[in-house]
Amino acid sequence: MIERETLTKNEWERLVAVTFEEKRKALKQLARWVTWQITRNGFNMEYGPFSYAAMGGNAVEVIAEECYEALMCGEWHWKENRTLSSMLIQIAKSKMGHIIREYYDRDSPEMTLTSEQSFREQAEMDLACQWEREANIRDMGYEIAREVVKSYPMLMAYLDALYRYNDYYGIASVMGITVKKVMELEKQLLDLLKKR
C-alpha cells in the first residue's frame, strides 16, 4: 500500500497552477531523461526490467505517467525551489530503482540466468541502489550544505541555483554571474564543507 503524504496548501496551489504547456514540457524532459538512462545503462525495451512485458506498456510512458501521478497524489512533496521536471526526475530515480528490484525479486525472470546474465542482474541491482540513493540523498545533502553556509548569502543563492539547475550555465544564468564565478562559488562551498 502506498503511503500518502500530507501536502501543504502551497504545494496543492502549485500543483493546481501547472498549465498544460508546463506539464507537457516537464514530461518531455522526463521522458528524455528516462530514455537516456535506459539506453545509457544497456537496458533493452524488448526484455528485462524495462520491457513492454514487464512494464505492461512502453517503459518511458509508464514511468512518466507514474511519476506525475505520484506527485499529484501526494506520494512525494514538491520542493518549493525545484522545477517540475527536476522533481519528476527525482521521483523517476526512485521508481526505476524499484522497477529493477521488483523485476529480479519475482520468482522467475524471463529465462534461466547464465553467468553473463547473472552479472547483468547484479549490475542492474547496483544501479537500482544508486538511483534510489540519489533520489533520497540529494535533499539531505542540500540541507547539510545549507546549514554550513547559512551566514554566506552568495553561497546560499548558489546552493538554491544548484539545487534547481545542477549545471554551470544554468546556475550562471539564474544568478546573473559568469561561469567562472560559479566555479569559484563551488570551490568556496566545497572548502567550507571540508572544514566541517
Protein backbone atom coordinates (compact mmCIF):
# COMPACT_ATOMS: atom_id res chain seq x y z
CA MET A 1 0.00 0.00 0.00
CA ILE A 2 1.33 3.44 -0.98
CA GLU A 3 1.74 5.95 1.82
CA ARG A 4 0.28 9.34 1.05
CA GLU A 5 1.97 12.48 2.28
CA THR A 6 0.00 15.41 3.59
CA LEU A 7 0.70 18.15 1.09
CA THR A 8 0.85 21.74 2.20
CA LYS A 9 -1.57 24.34 0.87
CA ASN A 10 1.33 25.86 -1.07
CA GLU A 11 2.11 22.50 -2.70
CA TRP A 12 -1.51 21.98 -3.72
CA GLU A 13 -1.68 25.51 -5.15
CA ARG A 14 1.49 24.91 -7.18
CA LEU A 15 0.17 21.57 -8.47
CA VAL A 16 -3.16 23.07 -9.49
CA ALA A 17 -1.42 26.01 -11.16
CA VAL A 18 0.61 23.79 -13.52
CA THR A 19 -0.50 24.65 -17.04
CA PHE A 20 -0.92 22.09 -19.79
CA GLU A 21 2.18 23.50 -21.51
CA GLU A 22 4.31 23.31 -18.33
CA LYS A 23 3.19 19.73 -17.79
CA ARG A 24 3.94 18.83 -21.41
CA LYS A 25 7.45 20.32 -21.24
CA ALA A 26 8.24 18.68 -17.90
CA LEU A 27 7.01 15.28 -19.09
CA LYS A 28 9.03 15.66 -22.30
CA GLN A 29 12.18 16.36 -20.27
CA LEU A 30 11.41 13.43 -18.00
CA ALA A 31 10.87 11.13 -21.00
CA ARG A 32 14.24 12.18 -22.48
CA TRP A 33 15.96 11.54 -19.14
CA VAL A 34 14.32 8.11 -18.68
CA THR A 35 15.11 7.10 -22.28
CA TRP A 36 18.72 8.22 -21.86
CA GLN A 37 19.09 6.30 -18.58
CA ILE A 38 17.61 3.13 -20.06
CA THR A 39 19.79 3.20 -23.18
CA ARG A 40 22.94 4.53 -21.46
CA ASN A 41 22.86 1.73 -18.91
CA GLY A 42 22.37 -1.01 -21.50
CA PHE A 43 18.76 -1.91 -20.78
CA ASN A 44 16.65 -3.27 -23.58
CA MET A 45 12.99 -2.42 -24.01
CA GLU A 46 12.32 -5.84 -25.55
CA TYR A 47 13.37 -7.87 -22.49
CA GLY A 48 14.40 -7.22 -18.92
CA PRO A 49 13.00 -4.87 -16.27
CA PHE A 50 12.01 -2.12 -18.73
CA SER A 51 10.49 -4.39 -21.37
CA TYR A 52 6.93 -3.98 -22.59
CA ALA A 53 6.01 -7.29 -20.95
CA ALA A 54 7.48 -6.35 -17.56
CA MET A 55 6.09 -2.81 -17.58
CA GLY A 56 2.70 -3.50 -19.14
CA GLY A 57 3.40 -0.89 -21.81
CA ASN A 58 6.12 1.39 -23.13
CA ALA A 59 8.52 1.86 -20.20
CA VAL A 60 9.13 5.57 -20.81
CA GLU A 61 5.42 6.35 -21.00
CA VAL A 62 4.54 4.19 -17.99
CA ILE A 63 7.30 5.70 -15.83
CA ALA A 64 6.43 9.27 -16.85
CA GLU A 65 2.75 8.71 -16.07
CA GLU A 66 3.51 7.06 -12.71
CA CYS A 67 5.89 9.87 -11.69
CA TYR A 68 3.39 12.61 -12.46
CA GLU A 69 0.64 10.68 -10.70
CA ALA A 70 2.90 10.15 -7.65
CA LEU A 71 3.38 13.91 -7.39
CA MET A 72 -0.28 14.74 -7.95
CA CYS A 73 -1.49 12.11 -5.48
CA GLY A 74 0.80 13.26 -2.71
CA GLU A 75 3.26 10.37 -2.65
CA TRP A 76 6.06 12.95 -2.93
CA HIS A 77 6.44 16.54 -1.73
CA TRP A 78 7.19 19.04 -4.49
CA LYS A 79 10.05 21.05 -3.02
CA GLU A 80 9.46 24.78 -3.42
CA ASN A 81 12.78 25.56 -5.10
CA ARG A 82 12.56 22.64 -7.57
CA THR A 83 11.32 22.79 -11.12
CA LEU A 84 8.58 20.36 -12.07
CA SER A 85 10.90 18.42 -14.40
CA SER A 86 13.64 18.15 -11.77
CA MET A 87 11.14 16.87 -9.21
CA LEU A 88 9.77 14.31 -11.68
CA ILE A 89 13.30 13.09 -12.43
CA GLN A 90 13.95 12.63 -8.72
CA ILE A 91 10.78 10.54 -8.47
CA ALA A 92 11.82 8.57 -11.57
CA LYS A 93 15.15 7.62 -9.99
CA SER A 94 13.32 6.06 -7.09
CA LYS A 95 10.66 4.39 -9.26
CA MET A 96 13.21 2.97 -11.72
CA GLY A 97 15.21 1.55 -8.84
CA HIS A 98 12.07 -0.15 -7.53
CA ILE A 99 11.23 -1.47 -11.01
CA ILE A 100 14.59 -3.24 -11.24
CA ARG A 101 14.33 -4.66 -7.73
CA GLU A 102 10.80 -5.92 -8.26
CA TYR A 103 11.73 -7.47 -11.59
CA TYR A 104 14.50 -9.54 -10.04
CA ASP A 105 12.59 -10.26 -6.84
CA ARG A 106 9.91 -12.08 -8.82
CA ASP A 107 10.30 -15.84 -8.80
CA SER A 108 11.02 -16.20 -12.48
CA PRO A 109 12.68 -13.65 -14.69
CA GLU A 110 12.08 -14.45 -18.35
CA MET A 111 14.82 -17.11 -18.55
CA THR A 112 17.29 -19.16 -16.53
CA LEU A 113 20.26 -16.93 -15.84
CA THR A 114 23.64 -17.68 -17.41
CA SER A 115 26.74 -16.32 -15.64
CA GLU A 116 26.72 -13.31 -18.01
CA GLN A 117 23.05 -12.66 -17.24
CA SER A 118 23.74 -13.09 -13.53
CA PHE A 119 26.46 -10.44 -13.82
CA ARG A 120 23.98 -8.19 -15.64
CA GLU A 121 21.41 -8.74 -12.89
CA GLN A 122 23.94 -7.66 -10.25
CA ALA A 123 24.90 -4.59 -12.30
CA GLU A 124 21.24 -3.65 -12.65
CA MET A 125 20.58 -4.15 -8.93
CA ASP A 126 23.60 -1.93 -8.17
CA LEU A 127 22.18 0.72 -10.49
CA ALA A 128 18.81 0.44 -8.74
CA CYS A 129 20.54 1.12 -5.41
CA GLN A 130 22.37 4.10 -6.91
CA TRP A 131 19.17 5.64 -8.30
CA GLU A 132 17.35 5.16 -5.01
CA ARG A 133 20.25 6.70 -3.05
CA GLU A 134 20.38 9.66 -5.43
CA ALA A 135 16.65 10.22 -5.00
CA ASN A 136 16.91 10.21 -1.21
CA ILE A 137 20.32 11.70 -0.51
CA ARG A 138 20.10 14.79 -2.70
CA ASP A 139 17.74 16.67 -0.39
CA MET A 140 19.65 15.60 2.70
CA GLY A 141 22.91 16.87 1.18
CA TYR A 142 21.40 20.23 0.38
CA GLU A 143 20.08 20.61 3.92
CA ILE A 144 23.53 19.87 5.37
CA ALA A 145 25.15 22.34 2.97
CA ARG A 146 22.51 24.99 3.78
CA GLU A 147 23.32 24.72 7.47
CA VAL A 148 27.03 25.17 6.76
CA VAL A 149 26.61 28.26 4.53
CA LYS A 150 23.65 29.94 6.21
CA SER A 151 25.73 33.03 7.05
CA TYR A 152 27.04 33.37 3.46
CA PRO A 153 24.25 34.91 1.31
CA MET A 154 26.08 34.41 -2.00
CA LEU A 155 26.70 30.73 -1.26
CA MET A 156 23.04 30.31 -0.21
CA ALA A 157 21.99 31.78 -3.56
CA TYR A 158 24.46 29.44 -5.29
CA LEU A 159 23.00 26.43 -3.44
CA ASP A 160 19.45 27.40 -4.43
CA ALA A 161 20.51 27.70 -8.07
CA LEU A 162 22.49 24.44 -7.91
CA TYR A 163 19.50 22.61 -6.44
CA ARG A 164 17.39 23.80 -9.30
CA TYR A 165 19.69 23.60 -12.33
CA ASN A 166 22.76 21.48 -11.45
CA ASP A 167 24.89 22.80 -14.33
CA TYR A 168 27.29 25.75 -14.56
CA TYR A 169 25.45 27.58 -17.34
CA GLY A 170 22.03 27.30 -15.75
CA ILE A 171 23.39 28.49 -12.40
CA ALA A 172 25.28 31.38 -14.04
CA SER A 173 22.17 32.42 -15.94
CA VAL A 174 19.82 32.41 -12.95
CA MET A 175 22.35 34.17 -10.70
CA GLY A 176 23.37 36.71 -13.35
CA ILE A 177 27.09 35.88 -12.98
CA THR A 178 29.79 34.29 -15.13
CA VAL A 179 30.51 30.58 -15.27
CA LYS A 180 33.95 31.39 -13.82
CA LYS A 181 32.27 32.97 -10.77
CA VAL A 182 30.02 29.90 -10.43
CA MET A 183 33.14 27.72 -10.33
CA GLU A 184 34.64 29.97 -7.65
CA LEU A 185 31.47 29.65 -5.56
CA GLU A 186 31.56 25.88 -5.99
CA LYS A 187 35.16 25.83 -4.70
CA GLN A 188 34.24 28.04 -1.72
CA LEU A 189 31.34 25.74 -0.85
CA LEU A 190 33.49 22.61 -1.08
CA ASP A 191 36.21 24.24 1.07
CA LEU A 192 33.63 25.11 3.74
CA LEU A 193 32.17 21.61 3.67
CA LYS A 194 35.63 20.04 4.04
CA LYS A 195 36.27 22.12 7.16
CA ARG A 196 33.02 20.92 8.75
